[in-house]
Amino acid sequence: MPAPMPPLSPSAESALSALGELLKQARLKRRMSQEMLGQRCGVGRRVIAKLESSPASVPAGVFVEVLSVLDPEMLDNVVKAVAHDPIGDTLARQRMPTRAVQPRDDF
């Protein structure tokens, strides 16, 4: 039996709820039933229903597959958003040496 998930922060819970609702809206705009989307993603209707109502309990792979089926560009945008990491870039630059080491001329 898998270990229980730790509780999510309020901001993470809110973001996941919004994502679930947005995925539902995207599915409905495409006139797809939960059953149809589930078949295309290789999961059952109940997994899609759970993704739309309480996405924290659905594996990330299902979320990625749903994005890919609904619109591959959506998935690309998620990847680009995660890759764009100005805070991480700033922290990496701060850890760089402040001066370059001159090569020794031993000749």
Protein backbone atom coordinates (compact mmCIF):
# COMPACT_ATOMS: atom_id res chain seq x y z
CA MET A 1 0.00 0.00 0.00
CA PRO A 2 1.50 3.39 -0.98
CA ALA A 3 2.40 5.84 1.75
CA PRO A 4 -0.19 8.56 2.34
CA MET A 5 0.49 11.88 0.68
CA PRO A 6 1.53 14.72 2.97
CA PRO A 7 -0.98 17.56 3.17
CA LEU A 8 -0.63 20.24 0.50
CA SER A 9 -0.11 23.91 1.21
CA PRO A 10 -3.17 26.11 0.62
CA SER A 11 -1.55 27.65 -2.47
CA ALA A 12 -0.76 24.22 -3.96
CA GLU A 13 -4.27 22.98 -3.20
CA SER A 14 -5.78 26.08 -4.82
CA ALA A 15 -3.58 25.75 -7.91
CA LEU A 16 -4.46 22.06 -8.32
CA SER A 17 -8.18 22.79 -7.97
CA ALA A 18 -7.89 25.50 -10.63
CA LEU A 19 -5.97 23.12 -12.92
CA GLY A 20 -8.62 20.44 -12.51
CA GLU A 21 -11.36 22.88 -13.43
CA LEU A 22 -9.38 24.22 -16.41
CA LEU A 23 -8.80 20.69 -17.70
CA LYS A 24 -12.52 20.00 -17.39
CA GLN A 25 -13.30 23.18 -19.37
CA ALA A 26 -10.76 22.21 -22.05
CA ARG A 27 -12.34 18.75 -22.32
CA LEU A 28 -15.84 20.17 -22.61
CA LYS A 29 -14.78 22.72 -25.26
CA ARG A 30 -13.61 19.75 -27.32
CA ARG A 31 -16.98 18.05 -26.73
CA MET A 32 -15.28 15.07 -25.16
CA SER A 33 -16.81 12.93 -22.46
CA GLN A 34 -14.75 11.80 -19.50
CA GLU A 35 -15.00 8.29 -20.92
CA MET A 36 -13.64 9.38 -24.31
CA LEU A 37 -10.74 11.32 -22.79
CA GLY A 38 -9.96 8.41 -20.51
CA GLN A 39 -9.84 5.99 -23.44
CA ARG A 40 -7.45 8.26 -25.34
CA CYS A 41 -5.24 8.56 -22.25
CA GLY A 42 -5.35 4.88 -21.37
CA VAL A 43 -7.21 5.36 -18.08
CA GLY A 44 -10.77 4.96 -16.90
CA ARG A 45 -13.50 7.58 -16.67
CA ARG A 46 -13.17 7.64 -12.87
CA VAL A 47 -9.53 8.71 -13.12
CA ILE A 48 -10.52 11.64 -15.36
CA ALA A 49 -13.33 12.56 -12.95
CA LYS A 50 -10.85 12.47 -10.06
CA LEU A 51 -8.36 14.59 -12.05
CA GLU A 52 -11.03 17.23 -12.59
CA SER A 53 -12.30 17.23 -9.00
CA SER A 54 -9.31 16.40 -6.77
CA PRO A 55 -6.18 16.29 -8.93
CA ALA A 56 -3.77 15.84 -6.00
CA SER A 57 -4.68 12.15 -5.85
CA VAL A 58 -3.93 11.50 -9.54
CA PRO A 59 -0.41 10.53 -10.70
CA ALA A 60 1.55 13.21 -12.54
CA GLY A 61 1.88 10.92 -15.56
CA VAL A 62 -1.89 10.97 -16.06
CA PHE A 63 -1.90 14.77 -15.86
CA VAL A 64 0.83 14.94 -18.52
CA GLU A 65 -0.98 12.44 -20.76
CA VAL A 66 -4.24 14.41 -20.48
CA LEU A 67 -2.45 17.61 -21.47
CA SER A 68 -0.87 15.81 -24.41
CA VAL A 69 -4.19 14.41 -25.61
CA LEU A 70 -6.11 17.67 -25.19
CA ASP A 71 -3.43 19.78 -26.88
CA PRO A 72 0.28 18.98 -27.19
CA GLU A 73 0.99 22.73 -27.17
CA MET A 74 -0.43 22.91 -23.62
CA LEU A 75 2.12 20.33 -22.53
CA ASP A 76 4.91 22.24 -24.29
CA ASN A 77 3.84 25.41 -22.48
CA VAL A 78 4.00 23.66 -19.11
CA VAL A 79 7.50 22.38 -19.87
CA LYS A 80 8.60 25.86 -21.00
CA ALA A 81 7.14 27.44 -17.85
CA VAL A 82 9.06 25.04 -15.62
CA ALA A 83 12.25 25.50 -17.65
CA HIS A 84 11.99 29.29 -17.25
CA ASP A 85 13.48 29.56 -13.76
CA PRO A 86 14.78 33.07 -13.04
CA ILE A 87 15.17 32.38 -9.31
CA GLY A 88 17.21 29.23 -9.94
CA ASP A 89 19.30 31.05 -12.54
CA THR A 90 20.02 33.87 -10.09
CA LEU A 91 21.02 31.42 -7.37
CA ALA A 92 23.31 29.56 -9.77
CA ARG A 93 25.00 32.82 -10.79
CA GLN A 94 25.54 33.74 -7.14
CA ARG A 95 27.42 30.48 -6.58
CA MET A 96 29.82 31.15 -9.45
CA PRO A 97 33.31 32.32 -8.55
CA THR A 98 33.60 36.08 -8.32
CA ARG A 99 36.89 36.16 -10.20
CA ALA A 100 38.32 33.98 -12.88
CA VAL A 101 41.39 31.95 -12.06
CA GLN A 102 44.27 32.90 -14.32
CA PRO A 103 46.08 29.97 -15.89
CA ARG A 104 49.62 29.61 -14.65
CA ASP A 105 52.37 30.29 -17.12
CA ASP A 106 55.06 27.82 -16.04
CA PHE A 107 57.11 27.92 -19.23
